[in-house]
């Protein structure tokens, strides 16, 4: 079953940008779009939606809001199948529930915090920390320069193999016929800076080589997964034929990979190894990107907010949309 793209709307400028982004994603991925408004949103955020105040009653106001959002999608993306729903619930509870049956959930940042540069509202933060599927948060501010078309950036974690975030990022690059930049940040251990100064040049070269080796191993495994997935899709789209003929056809075909910009049939993957705090390295790498993808660890049995410091930093300060992908997500 092809799960829909879900977008939360509240009538704000930020939710309109999220709606447009979600509609484009649904069109690109050939998925249905589900527009959701949790009617307790304004109470949760302490704000009222900026829509026609002449519509009487909260329920009618909410229905007018989602109908306007649905009509906007139909005008901009007529090829997208779109439905709209009003849920009389707390927005976090409603969207977390939606995440059980969604390919991803999209949300806009309000950007009305007191600290300059911080982009995330309370709903977005809570959803990113509890969602069962990837959450994409669209920044409130417009980027200083237009993003490079199809450029996706992903942070590579300490996981031995490709994380759910890396697999998701590769799929995003493929759907755009774009390029993937895989970023691995590294830092020299603190003790080498103070009490035990090492020989000149040793710590930098050693830790950098370790980071490069880890990145190469993860990307090699990721490319293997890509090849297997491509072969599976090719088998599913082949015409029905006899077993022997099908086997001969498959053996004669070379894996084509996912369509990319290099013309070879694969996504172009760039490697980036940089020294510094992970959040800072990722925010700098995300300049002019269409999307920054990072993973989030989920612990079974824990119902609270599950976001690390890197997640918090990129959600608040990244210059482009950010996707938070739970490590439990299997696509």
C-alpha atoms as a PDB file:
ATOM      1  CA  UNK A   1       0.000   0.000   0.000  1.00  0.00           C
ATOM      2  CA  UNK A   2       1.328   3.419  -0.958  1.00  0.00           C
ATOM      3  CA  UNK A   3       1.078   5.596   2.119  1.00  0.00           C
ATOM      4  CA  UNK A   4       0.198   9.275   1.671  1.00  0.00           C
ATOM      5  CA  UNK A   5       2.228  12.376   2.288  1.00  0.00           C
ATOM      6  CA  UNK A   6       0.591  14.107   5.267  1.00  0.00           C
ATOM      7  CA  UNK A   7       0.834  17.859   5.794  1.00  0.00           C
ATOM      8  CA  UNK A   8      -0.329  19.758   8.855  1.00  0.00           C
ATOM      9  CA  UNK A   9      -1.903  23.150   8.182  1.00  0.00           C
ATOM     10  CA  UNK A  10      -2.949  25.910  10.568  1.00  0.00           C
ATOM     11  CA  UNK A  11      -3.553  28.871   8.274  1.00  0.00           C
ATOM     12  CA  UNK A  12      -0.161  30.488   8.876  1.00  0.00           C
ATOM     13  CA  UNK A  13       2.327  31.581   6.235  1.00  0.00           C
ATOM     14  CA  UNK A  14       4.616  28.741   7.297  1.00  0.00           C
ATOM     15  CA  UNK A  15       1.935  26.115   6.777  1.00  0.00           C
ATOM     16  CA  UNK A  16       1.306  27.402   3.235  1.00  0.00           C
ATOM     17  CA  UNK A  17       4.985  26.828   2.416  1.00  0.00           C
ATOM     18  CA  UNK A  18       4.705  23.367   3.971  1.00  0.00           C
ATOM     19  CA  UNK A  19       1.583  22.674   1.910  1.00  0.00           C
ATOM     20  CA  UNK A  20       3.320  23.633  -1.343  1.00  0.00           C
ATOM     21  CA  UNK A  21       6.374  21.527  -0.462  1.00  0.00           C
ATOM     22  CA  UNK A  22       4.213  18.520   0.430  1.00  0.00           C
ATOM     23  CA  UNK A  23       2.213  18.838  -2.793  1.00  0.00           C
ATOM     24  CA  UNK A  24       5.423  18.883  -4.828  1.00  0.00           C
ATOM     25  CA  UNK A  25       6.687  15.819  -2.941  1.00  0.00           C
ATOM     26  CA  UNK A  26       3.432  13.954  -3.532  1.00  0.00           C
ATOM     27  CA  UNK A  27       3.598  14.784  -7.239  1.00  0.00           C
ATOM     28  CA  UNK A  28       7.244  13.746  -7.524  1.00  0.00           C
ATOM     29  CA  UNK A  29       6.700  10.488  -5.624  1.00  0.00           C
ATOM     30  CA  UNK A  30       3.287   9.773  -7.177  1.00  0.00           C
ATOM     31  CA  UNK A  31       1.697   9.537  -3.751  1.00  0.00           C
ATOM     32  CA  UNK A  32      -1.649  10.833  -2.482  1.00  0.00           C
ATOM     33  CA  UNK A  33      -1.661  13.917  -0.263  1.00  0.00           C
ATOM     34  CA  UNK A  34      -3.562  14.184   2.998  1.00  0.00           C
ATOM     35  CA  UNK A  35      -4.133  17.678   4.444  1.00  0.00           C
ATOM     36  CA  UNK A  36      -4.789  17.685   8.192  1.00  0.00           C
ATOM     37  CA  UNK A  37      -5.858  20.475  10.523  1.00  0.00           C
ATOM     38  CA  UNK A  38      -6.095  19.749  14.237  1.00  0.00           C
ATOM     39  CA  UNK A  39      -8.666  22.277  15.390  1.00  0.00           C
ATOM     40  CA  UNK A  40      -7.057  22.758  18.807  1.00  0.00           C
ATOM     41  CA  UNK A  41      -3.907  24.065  17.053  1.00  0.00           C
ATOM     42  CA  UNK A  42      -4.496  27.734  17.882  1.00  0.00           C
ATOM     43  CA  UNK A  43      -4.975  26.882  21.558  1.00  0.00           C
ATOM     44  CA  UNK A  44      -1.771  24.793  21.565  1.00  0.00           C
ATOM     45  CA  UNK A  45       0.338  27.565  20.002  1.00  0.00           C
ATOM     46  CA  UNK A  46      -1.550  30.481  21.561  1.00  0.00           C
ATOM     47  CA  UNK A  47      -2.305  31.926  18.116  1.00  0.00           C
ATOM     48  CA  UNK A  48      -5.214  32.269  15.738  1.00  0.00           C
ATOM     49  CA  UNK A  49      -4.995  31.255  12.064  1.00  0.00           C
ATOM     50  CA  UNK A  50      -4.724  34.124   9.598  1.00  0.00           C
ATOM     51  CA  UNK A  51      -7.833  33.312   7.533  1.00  0.00           C
ATOM     52  CA  UNK A  52     -11.151  35.015   6.887  1.00  0.00           C
ATOM     53  CA  UNK A  53     -12.560  35.951  10.288  1.00  0.00           C
ATOM     54  CA  UNK A  54     -16.042  36.348   8.810  1.00  0.00           C
ATOM     55  CA  UNK A  55     -16.565  32.575   8.783  1.00  0.00           C
ATOM     56  CA  UNK A  56     -18.632  31.846  11.937  1.00  0.00           C
ATOM     57  CA  UNK A  57     -17.693  29.194  14.465  1.00  0.00           C
ATOM     58  CA  UNK A  58     -14.445  27.295  15.022  1.00  0.00           C
ATOM     59  CA  UNK A  59     -15.598  24.208  13.168  1.00  0.00           C
ATOM     60  CA  UNK A  60     -16.657  26.168  10.100  1.00  0.00           C
ATOM     61  CA  UNK A  61     -13.421  28.111  10.279  1.00  0.00           C
ATOM     62  CA  UNK A  62     -11.414  24.860  10.358  1.00  0.00           C
ATOM     63  CA  UNK A  63     -13.387  23.391   7.467  1.00  0.00           C
ATOM     64  CA  UNK A  64     -12.872  26.555   5.464  1.00  0.00           C
ATOM     65  CA  UNK A  65      -9.148  26.376   6.176  1.00  0.00           C
ATOM     66  CA  UNK A  66      -8.674  22.805   4.938  1.00  0.00           C
ATOM     67  CA  UNK A  67     -10.966  23.345   1.959  1.00  0.00           C
ATOM     68  CA  UNK A  68      -8.858  26.339   0.929  1.00  0.00           C
ATOM     69  CA  UNK A  69      -5.709  24.242   1.318  1.00  0.00           C
ATOM     70  CA  UNK A  70      -7.223  21.424  -0.766  1.00  0.00           C
ATOM     71  CA  UNK A  71      -8.246  23.871  -3.510  1.00  0.00           C
ATOM     72  CA  UNK A  72      -4.755  25.377  -3.529  1.00  0.00           C
ATOM     73  CA  UNK A  73      -3.231  21.941  -4.146  1.00  0.00           C
ATOM     74  CA  UNK A  74      -5.718  21.168  -6.906  1.00  0.00           C
ATOM     75  CA  UNK A  75      -4.820  24.435  -8.624  1.00  0.00           C
ATOM     76  CA  UNK A  76      -1.046  24.025  -8.271  1.00  0.00           C
ATOM     77  CA  UNK A  77      -0.787  20.224  -8.654  1.00  0.00           C
ATOM     78  CA  UNK A  78      -3.889  18.916 -10.425  1.00  0.00           C
ATOM     79  CA  UNK A  79      -2.246  15.500 -10.876  1.00  0.00           C
ATOM     80  CA  UNK A  80      -2.122  14.939  -7.093  1.00  0.00           C
ATOM     81  CA  UNK A  81      -4.966  13.099  -5.368  1.00  0.00           C
ATOM     82  CA  UNK A  82      -5.712  15.181  -2.279  1.00  0.00           C
ATOM     83  CA  UNK A  83      -8.072  14.795   0.673  1.00  0.00           C
ATOM     84  CA  UNK A  84      -8.533  17.111   3.642  1.00  0.00           C
ATOM     85  CA  UNK A  85      -9.549  16.353   7.206  1.00  0.00           C
ATOM     86  CA  UNK A  86     -10.323  18.321  10.377  1.00  0.00           C
ATOM     87  CA  UNK A  87      -9.539  16.584  13.632  1.00  0.00           C
ATOM     88  CA  UNK A  88     -10.792  18.083  16.936  1.00  0.00           C
ATOM     89  CA  UNK A  89      -7.580  17.160  18.709  1.00  0.00           C
ATOM     90  CA  UNK A  90      -4.307  18.441  20.009  1.00  0.00           C
ATOM     91  CA  UNK A  91      -2.109  18.869  16.893  1.00  0.00           C
ATOM     92  CA  UNK A  92       0.798  16.801  18.186  1.00  0.00           C
ATOM     93  CA  UNK A  93      -1.419  13.856  19.137  1.00  0.00           C
ATOM     94  CA  UNK A  94      -3.244  14.064  15.800  1.00  0.00           C
ATOM     95  CA  UNK A  95      -0.102  14.204  13.661  1.00  0.00           C
ATOM     96  CA  UNK A  96       1.715  11.509  15.636  1.00  0.00           C
ATOM     97  CA  UNK A  97      -1.295   9.274  15.025  1.00  0.00           C
ATOM     98  CA  UNK A  98      -1.211  10.196  11.319  1.00  0.00           C
ATOM     99  CA  UNK A  99       2.491   9.220  11.197  1.00  0.00           C
ATOM    100  CA  UNK A 100       1.560   5.554  11.711  1.00  0.00           C
ATOM    101  CA  UNK A 101       0.021   5.487   8.214  1.00  0.00           C
ATOM    102  CA  UNK A 102       2.094   8.068   6.326  1.00  0.00           C
ATOM    103  CA  UNK A 103       5.163   8.002   4.113  1.00  0.00           C
ATOM    104  CA  UNK A 104       6.202  11.284   5.717  1.00  0.00           C
ATOM    105  CA  UNK A 105       4.656  14.204   7.612  1.00  0.00           C
ATOM    106  CA  UNK A 106       5.358  17.798   6.551  1.00  0.00           C
ATOM    107  CA  UNK A 107       5.070  20.809   8.814  1.00  0.00           C
ATOM    108  CA  UNK A 108       5.956  24.481   8.606  1.00  0.00           C
ATOM    109  CA  UNK A 109       7.971  26.452  11.154  1.00  0.00           C
ATOM    110  CA  UNK A 110       6.334  29.467  12.660  1.00  0.00           C
ATOM    111  CA  UNK A 111       9.604  31.300  13.249  1.00  0.00           C
ATOM    112  CA  UNK A 112       8.057  33.558  15.900  1.00  0.00           C
ATOM    113  CA  UNK A 113      10.350  32.711  18.771  1.00  0.00           C
ATOM    114  CA  UNK A 114      12.103  35.426  20.767  1.00  0.00           C
ATOM    115  CA  UNK A 115      15.568  34.197  19.813  1.00  0.00           C
ATOM    116  CA  UNK A 116      16.622  35.475  16.394  1.00  0.00           C
ATOM    117  CA  UNK A 117      17.265  32.684  13.909  1.00  0.00           C
ATOM    118  CA  UNK A 118      15.321  29.995  15.745  1.00  0.00           C
ATOM    119  CA  UNK A 119      12.819  28.522  13.326  1.00  0.00           C
ATOM    120  CA  UNK A 120      10.798  25.866  15.086  1.00  0.00           C
ATOM    121  CA  UNK A 121       7.442  26.036  16.837  1.00  0.00           C
ATOM    122  CA  UNK A 122       6.381  23.760  19.672  1.00  0.00           C
ATOM    123  CA  UNK A 123       4.244  21.512  17.442  1.00  0.00           C
ATOM    124  CA  UNK A 124       7.123  20.853  15.026  1.00  0.00           C
ATOM    125  CA  UNK A 125       9.569  20.068  17.799  1.00  0.00           C
ATOM    126  CA  UNK A 126       7.206  17.673  19.567  1.00  0.00           C
ATOM    127  CA  UNK A 127       6.232  15.931  16.336  1.00  0.00           C
ATOM    128  CA  UNK A 128       9.845  15.484  15.208  1.00  0.00           C
ATOM    129  CA  UNK A 129      10.599  13.817  18.542  1.00  0.00           C
ATOM    130  CA  UNK A 130       7.671  11.378  18.478  1.00  0.00           C
ATOM    131  CA  UNK A 131       6.753  10.621  14.859  1.00  0.00           C
ATOM    132  CA  UNK A 132       6.858   7.063  13.553  1.00  0.00           C
ATOM    133  CA  UNK A 133       7.780   8.178  10.024  1.00  0.00           C
ATOM    134  CA  UNK A 134      10.086  10.877   8.643  1.00  0.00           C
ATOM    135  CA  UNK A 135       9.102  14.456   9.481  1.00  0.00           C
ATOM    136  CA  UNK A 136      10.048  17.311   7.152  1.00  0.00           C
ATOM    137  CA  UNK A 137      10.082  20.779   8.697  1.00  0.00           C
ATOM    138  CA  UNK A 138       9.975  23.729   6.292  1.00  0.00           C
ATOM    139  CA  UNK A 139      11.793  26.830   7.585  1.00  0.00           C
ATOM    140  CA  UNK A 140       9.858  30.046   8.068  1.00  0.00           C
ATOM    141  CA  UNK A 141      12.461  32.187   6.379  1.00  0.00           C
ATOM    142  CA  UNK A 142      13.337  32.069   2.718  1.00  0.00           C
ATOM    143  CA  UNK A 143      16.929  31.004   1.871  1.00  0.00           C
ATOM    144  CA  UNK A 144      19.341  33.764   0.905  1.00  0.00           C
ATOM    145  CA  UNK A 145      20.090  32.115  -2.442  1.00  0.00           C
ATOM    146  CA  UNK A 146      18.011  29.665  -4.505  1.00  0.00           C
ATOM    147  CA  UNK A 147      18.808  26.040  -3.611  1.00  0.00           C
ATOM    148  CA  UNK A 148      20.752  23.864  -6.014  1.00  0.00           C
ATOM    149  CA  UNK A 149      18.148  21.741  -7.767  1.00  0.00           C
ATOM    150  CA  UNK A 150      18.157  18.145  -6.560  1.00  0.00           C
ATOM    151  CA  UNK A 151      20.902  18.590  -3.943  1.00  0.00           C
ATOM    152  CA  UNK A 152      20.255  16.475  -0.825  1.00  0.00           C
ATOM    153  CA  UNK A 153      22.573  16.463   2.213  1.00  0.00           C
ATOM    154  CA  UNK A 154      22.604  13.655   4.780  1.00  0.00           C
ATOM    155  CA  UNK A 155      24.485  13.314   8.038  1.00  0.00           C
ATOM    156  CA  UNK A 156      26.247   9.966   8.453  1.00  0.00           C
ATOM    157  CA  UNK A 157      25.986   8.641  11.999  1.00  0.00           C
ATOM    158  CA  UNK A 158      28.118   6.150  13.944  1.00  0.00           C
ATOM    159  CA  UNK A 159      25.950   3.232  12.761  1.00  0.00           C
ATOM    160  CA  UNK A 160      27.964   0.476  11.125  1.00  0.00           C
ATOM    161  CA  UNK A 161      25.673   0.231   8.102  1.00  0.00           C
ATOM    162  CA  UNK A 162      23.382   2.586   6.203  1.00  0.00           C
ATOM    163  CA  UNK A 163      20.949   4.239   8.597  1.00  0.00           C
ATOM    164  CA  UNK A 164      17.277   4.799   7.853  1.00  0.00           C
ATOM    165  CA  UNK A 165      18.178   8.451   7.285  1.00  0.00           C
ATOM    166  CA  UNK A 166      20.785   7.560   4.637  1.00  0.00           C
ATOM    167  CA  UNK A 167      18.353   5.280   2.795  1.00  0.00           C
ATOM    168  CA  UNK A 168      15.664   7.978   2.903  1.00  0.00           C
ATOM    169  CA  UNK A 169      18.105  10.619   1.648  1.00  0.00           C
ATOM    170  CA  UNK A 170      19.167   8.439  -1.273  1.00  0.00           C
ATOM    171  CA  UNK A 171      15.527   7.949  -2.260  1.00  0.00           C
ATOM    172  CA  UNK A 172      14.943  11.700  -2.075  1.00  0.00           C
ATOM    173  CA  UNK A 173      17.926  12.368  -4.344  1.00  0.00           C
ATOM    174  CA  UNK A 174      16.757   9.691  -6.781  1.00  0.00           C
ATOM    175  CA  UNK A 175      13.223  11.084  -6.974  1.00  0.00           C
ATOM    176  CA  UNK A 176      14.684  14.467  -7.932  1.00  0.00           C
ATOM    177  CA  UNK A 177      17.213  13.005 -10.400  1.00  0.00           C
ATOM    178  CA  UNK A 178      19.648  14.808  -8.158  1.00  0.00           C
ATOM    179  CA  UNK A 179      22.804  14.434  -6.126  1.00  0.00           C
ATOM    180  CA  UNK A 180      23.487  13.262  -2.587  1.00  0.00           C
ATOM    181  CA  UNK A 181      26.154  14.755  -0.331  1.00  0.00           C
ATOM    182  CA  UNK A 182      27.021  12.405   2.534  1.00  0.00           C
ATOM    183  CA  UNK A 183      28.616  14.291   5.437  1.00  0.00           C
ATOM    184  CA  UNK A 184      30.682  12.761   8.214  1.00  0.00           C
ATOM    185  CA  UNK A 185      31.814  15.083  11.007  1.00  0.00           C
ATOM    186  CA  UNK A 186      34.720  14.179  13.265  1.00  0.00           C
ATOM    187  CA  UNK A 187      36.359  15.726  16.325  1.00  0.00           C
ATOM    188  CA  UNK A 188      39.637  15.174  18.074  1.00  0.00           C
ATOM    189  CA  UNK A 189      39.181  13.705  21.607  1.00  0.00           C
ATOM    190  CA  UNK A 190      39.293  16.390  24.286  1.00  0.00           C
ATOM    191  CA  UNK A 191      42.208  14.813  26.190  1.00  0.00           C
ATOM    192  CA  UNK A 192      44.495  15.281  23.205  1.00  0.00           C
ATOM    193  CA  UNK A 193      43.922  19.016  23.435  1.00  0.00           C
ATOM    194  CA  UNK A 194      44.911  19.468  27.077  1.00  0.00           C
ATOM    195  CA  UNK A 195      46.807  17.057  29.296  1.00  0.00           C
ATOM    196  CA  UNK A 196      48.248  14.734  26.646  1.00  0.00           C
ATOM    197  CA  UNK A 197      49.338  16.741  23.621  1.00  0.00           C
ATOM    198  CA  UNK A 198      50.127  14.241  20.838  1.00  0.00           C
ATOM    199  CA  UNK A 199      52.853  14.324  18.269  1.00  0.00           C
ATOM    200  CA  UNK A 200      52.337  16.959  15.578  1.00  0.00           C
ATOM    201  CA  UNK A 201      49.998  15.795  12.817  1.00  0.00           C
ATOM    202  CA  UNK A 202      49.127  12.417  14.336  1.00  0.00           C
ATOM    203  CA  UNK A 203      45.643  13.088  15.791  1.00  0.00           C
ATOM    204  CA  UNK A 204      44.340  14.943  12.779  1.00  0.00           C
ATOM    205  CA  UNK A 205      45.439  12.308  10.284  1.00  0.00           C
ATOM    206  CA  UNK A 206      44.343   9.379  12.463  1.00  0.00           C
ATOM    207  CA  UNK A 207      40.873  10.624  13.304  1.00  0.00           C
ATOM    208  CA  UNK A 208      40.273  11.929   9.813  1.00  0.00           C
ATOM    209  CA  UNK A 209      41.268   8.582   8.291  1.00  0.00           C
ATOM    210  CA  UNK A 210      38.875   6.807  10.663  1.00  0.00           C
ATOM    211  CA  UNK A 211      36.058   9.131   9.593  1.00  0.00           C
ATOM    212  CA  UNK A 212      36.858   8.629   5.909  1.00  0.00           C
ATOM    213  CA  UNK A 213      36.974   4.842   6.316  1.00  0.00           C
ATOM    214  CA  UNK A 214      33.640   4.790   8.130  1.00  0.00           C
ATOM    215  CA  UNK A 215      32.021   6.971   5.471  1.00  0.00           C
ATOM    216  CA  UNK A 216      33.351   4.788   2.655  1.00  0.00           C
ATOM    217  CA  UNK A 217      32.055   1.610   4.314  1.00  0.00           C
ATOM    218  CA  UNK A 218      28.584   3.064   4.890  1.00  0.00           C
ATOM    219  CA  UNK A 219      28.306   4.389   1.339  1.00  0.00           C
ATOM    220  CA  UNK A 220      29.493   1.111  -0.147  1.00  0.00           C
ATOM    221  CA  UNK A 221      26.740  -0.710   1.736  1.00  0.00           C
ATOM    222  CA  UNK A 222      24.234   1.978   0.714  1.00  0.00           C
ATOM    223  CA  UNK A 223      25.124   1.571  -2.948  1.00  0.00           C
ATOM    224  CA  UNK A 224      24.653  -2.189  -2.599  1.00  0.00           C
ATOM    225  CA  UNK A 225      21.167  -1.642  -1.196  1.00  0.00           C
ATOM    226  CA  UNK A 226      20.415   0.712  -4.072  1.00  0.00           C
ATOM    227  CA  UNK A 227      21.469  -1.919  -6.614  1.00  0.00           C
ATOM    228  CA  UNK A 228      19.340  -4.614  -4.963  1.00  0.00           C
ATOM    229  CA  UNK A 229      16.311  -2.321  -4.796  1.00  0.00           C
ATOM    230  CA  UNK A 230      16.720  -1.350  -8.438  1.00  0.00           C
ATOM    231  CA  UNK A 231      16.954  -5.001  -9.503  1.00  0.00           C
ATOM    232  CA  UNK A 232      13.817  -5.781  -7.508  1.00  0.00           C
ATOM    233  CA  UNK A 233      11.903  -2.961  -9.221  1.00  0.00           C
ATOM    234  CA  UNK A 234      13.096  -4.160 -12.633  1.00  0.00           C
ATOM    235  CA  UNK A 235      11.828  -7.664 -11.904  1.00  0.00           C
ATOM    236  CA  UNK A 236       8.448  -6.315 -10.788  1.00  0.00           C
ATOM    237  CA  UNK A 237       7.974  -4.310 -13.989  1.00  0.00           C
ATOM    238  CA  UNK A 238       8.985  -7.063 -16.438  1.00  0.00           C
ATOM    239  CA  UNK A 239       6.384  -8.593 -18.747  1.00  0.00           C
ATOM    240  CA  UNK A 240       5.114 -12.060 -17.704  1.00  0.00           C
ATOM    241  CA  UNK A 241       7.240 -14.713 -19.325  1.00  0.00           C
ATOM    242  CA  UNK A 242       8.465 -18.280 -18.837  1.00  0.00           C
ATOM    243  CA  UNK A 243      10.830 -19.045 -15.991  1.00  0.00           C
ATOM    244  CA  UNK A 244      13.814 -19.882 -18.199  1.00  0.00           C
ATOM    245  CA  UNK A 245      13.270 -16.872 -20.475  1.00  0.00           C
ATOM    246  CA  UNK A 246      12.907 -14.566 -17.447  1.00  0.00           C
ATOM    247  CA  UNK A 247      16.131 -15.859 -15.918  1.00  0.00           C
ATOM    248  CA  UNK A 248      18.004 -15.343 -19.195  1.00  0.00           C
ATOM    249  CA  UNK A 249      16.645 -11.805 -19.468  1.00  0.00           C
ATOM    250  CA  UNK A 250      17.652 -10.942 -15.889  1.00  0.00           C
ATOM    251  CA  UNK A 251      21.156 -12.318 -16.276  1.00  0.00           C
ATOM    252  CA  UNK A 252      21.678 -10.252 -19.432  1.00  0.00           C
ATOM    253  CA  UNK A 253      20.694  -7.000 -17.735  1.00  0.00           C
ATOM    254  CA  UNK A 254      23.142  -4.810 -15.866  1.00  0.00           C
ATOM    255  CA  UNK A 255      21.829  -3.066 -12.744  1.00  0.00           C
ATOM    256  CA  UNK A 256      20.856   0.441 -13.813  1.00  0.00           C
ATOM    257  CA  UNK A 257      20.636   2.062 -10.390  1.00  0.00           C
ATOM    258  CA  UNK A 258      18.401   5.009  -9.646  1.00  0.00           C
ATOM    259  CA  UNK A 259      18.114   7.699 -12.332  1.00  0.00           C
ATOM    260  CA  UNK A 260      20.608  10.442 -11.633  1.00  0.00           C
ATOM    261  CA  UNK A 261      22.062  13.563 -13.171  1.00  0.00           C
ATOM    262  CA  UNK A 262      25.267  11.972 -14.409  1.00  0.00           C
ATOM    263  CA  UNK A 263      23.484  10.031 -17.149  1.00  0.00           C
ATOM    264  CA  UNK A 264      24.792   6.701 -15.883  1.00  0.00           C
ATOM    265  CA  UNK A 265      21.546   5.701 -14.175  1.00  0.00           C
ATOM    266  CA  UNK A 266      22.814   6.154 -10.611  1.00  0.00           C
ATOM    267  CA  UNK A 267      22.584   8.939  -8.057  1.00  0.00           C
ATOM    268  CA  UNK A 268      25.805  10.929  -7.909  1.00  0.00           C
ATOM    269  CA  UNK A 269      27.116  10.684  -4.322  1.00  0.00           C
ATOM    270  CA  UNK A 270      29.592  13.226  -2.987  1.00  0.00           C
ATOM    271  CA  UNK A 271      31.632  12.479   0.137  1.00  0.00           C
ATOM    272  CA  UNK A 272      32.398  15.160   2.707  1.00  0.00           C
ATOM    273  CA  UNK A 273      34.523  14.662   5.826  1.00  0.00           C
ATOM    274  CA  UNK A 274      34.892  17.731   8.035  1.00  0.00           C
ATOM    275  CA  UNK A 275      36.267  18.468  11.473  1.00  0.00           C
ATOM    276  CA  UNK A 276      33.953  20.153  13.936  1.00  0.00           C
ATOM    277  CA  UNK A 277      30.723  19.739  15.903  1.00  0.00           C
ATOM    278  CA  UNK A 278      28.268  17.663  13.889  1.00  0.00           C
ATOM    279  CA  UNK A 279      25.473  20.239  13.981  1.00  0.00           C
ATOM    280  CA  UNK A 280      27.752  23.024  12.770  1.00  0.00           C
ATOM    281  CA  UNK A 281      29.243  20.891   9.979  1.00  0.00           C
ATOM    282  CA  UNK A 282      25.763  19.865   8.792  1.00  0.00           C
ATOM    283  CA  UNK A 283      24.311  23.370   8.884  1.00  0.00           C
ATOM    284  CA  UNK A 284      27.230  24.671   6.812  1.00  0.00           C
ATOM    285  CA  UNK A 285      26.951  21.752   4.366  1.00  0.00           C
ATOM    286  CA  UNK A 286      23.217  22.428   3.931  1.00  0.00           C
ATOM    287  CA  UNK A 287      23.736  25.840   2.345  1.00  0.00           C
ATOM    288  CA  UNK A 288      21.967  25.839  -1.051  1.00  0.00           C
ATOM    289  CA  UNK A 289      20.592  22.330  -0.449  1.00  0.00           C
ATOM    290  CA  UNK A 290      16.997  21.367  -1.150  1.00  0.00           C
ATOM    291  CA  UNK A 291      16.857  19.131   1.918  1.00  0.00           C
ATOM    292  CA  UNK A 292      18.991  18.202   4.934  1.00  0.00           C
ATOM    293  CA  UNK A 293      18.384  14.697   6.309  1.00  0.00           C
ATOM    294  CA  UNK A 294      19.397  13.532   9.785  1.00  0.00           C
ATOM    295  CA  UNK A 295      18.495  10.495  11.837  1.00  0.00           C
ATOM    296  CA  UNK A 296      16.855  10.335  15.260  1.00  0.00           C
ATOM    297  CA  UNK A 297      17.157   7.461  17.703  1.00  0.00           C
ATOM    298  CA  UNK A 298      14.006   5.938  19.133  1.00  0.00           C
ATOM    299  CA  UNK A 299      14.018   3.940  22.369  1.00  0.00           C
ATOM    300  CA  UNK A 300      11.266   1.391  22.854  1.00  0.00           C
ATOM    301  CA  UNK A 301       9.072   2.078  25.844  1.00  0.00           C
ATOM    302  CA  UNK A 302      10.054   5.740  26.092  1.00  0.00           C
ATOM    303  CA  UNK A 303       7.135   8.044  25.287  1.00  0.00           C
ATOM    304  CA  UNK A 304       8.828  11.407  25.744  1.00  0.00           C
ATOM    305  CA  UNK A 305      10.599  13.631  23.253  1.00  0.00           C
ATOM    306  CA  UNK A 306      13.337  11.635  21.489  1.00  0.00           C
ATOM    307  CA  UNK A 307      15.643  14.148  19.853  1.00  0.00           C
ATOM    308  CA  UNK A 308      19.374  14.608  20.317  1.00  0.00           C
ATOM    309  CA  UNK A 309      21.332  17.879  20.359  1.00  0.00           C
ATOM    310  CA  UNK A 310      22.154  17.625  16.641  1.00  0.00           C
ATOM    311  CA  UNK A 311      18.446  17.223  15.837  1.00  0.00           C
ATOM    312  CA  UNK A 312      17.583  20.290  17.907  1.00  0.00           C
ATOM    313  CA  UNK A 313      20.291  22.423  16.337  1.00  0.00           C
ATOM    314  CA  UNK A 314      19.505  21.649  12.703  1.00  0.00           C
ATOM    315  CA  UNK A 315      15.764  22.024  13.261  1.00  0.00           C
ATOM    316  CA  UNK A 316      16.299  25.503  14.658  1.00  0.00           C
ATOM    317  CA  UNK A 317      19.083  26.837  12.464  1.00  0.00           C
ATOM    318  CA  UNK A 318      19.364  24.923   9.169  1.00  0.00           C
ATOM    319  CA  UNK A 319      19.022  27.116   6.050  1.00  0.00           C
ATOM    320  CA  UNK A 320      16.802  24.613   4.214  1.00  0.00           C
ATOM    321  CA  UNK A 321      14.009  22.102   4.916  1.00  0.00           C
ATOM    322  CA  UNK A 322      15.060  19.423   7.411  1.00  0.00           C
ATOM    323  CA  UNK A 323      13.966  15.773   7.447  1.00  0.00           C
ATOM    324  CA  UNK A 324      14.146  13.935  10.774  1.00  0.00           C
ATOM    325  CA  UNK A 325      14.119  10.186  10.127  1.00  0.00           C
ATOM    326  CA  UNK A 326      13.549   7.775  13.062  1.00  0.00           C
ATOM    327  CA  UNK A 327      16.089   4.966  13.148  1.00  0.00           C
ATOM    328  CA  UNK A 328      13.152   2.530  13.441  1.00  0.00           C
ATOM    329  CA  UNK A 329      11.677   3.650  10.111  1.00  0.00           C
ATOM    330  CA  UNK A 330      11.727   0.965   7.396  1.00  0.00           C
ATOM    331  CA  UNK A 331      10.148   2.857   4.510  1.00  0.00           C
END
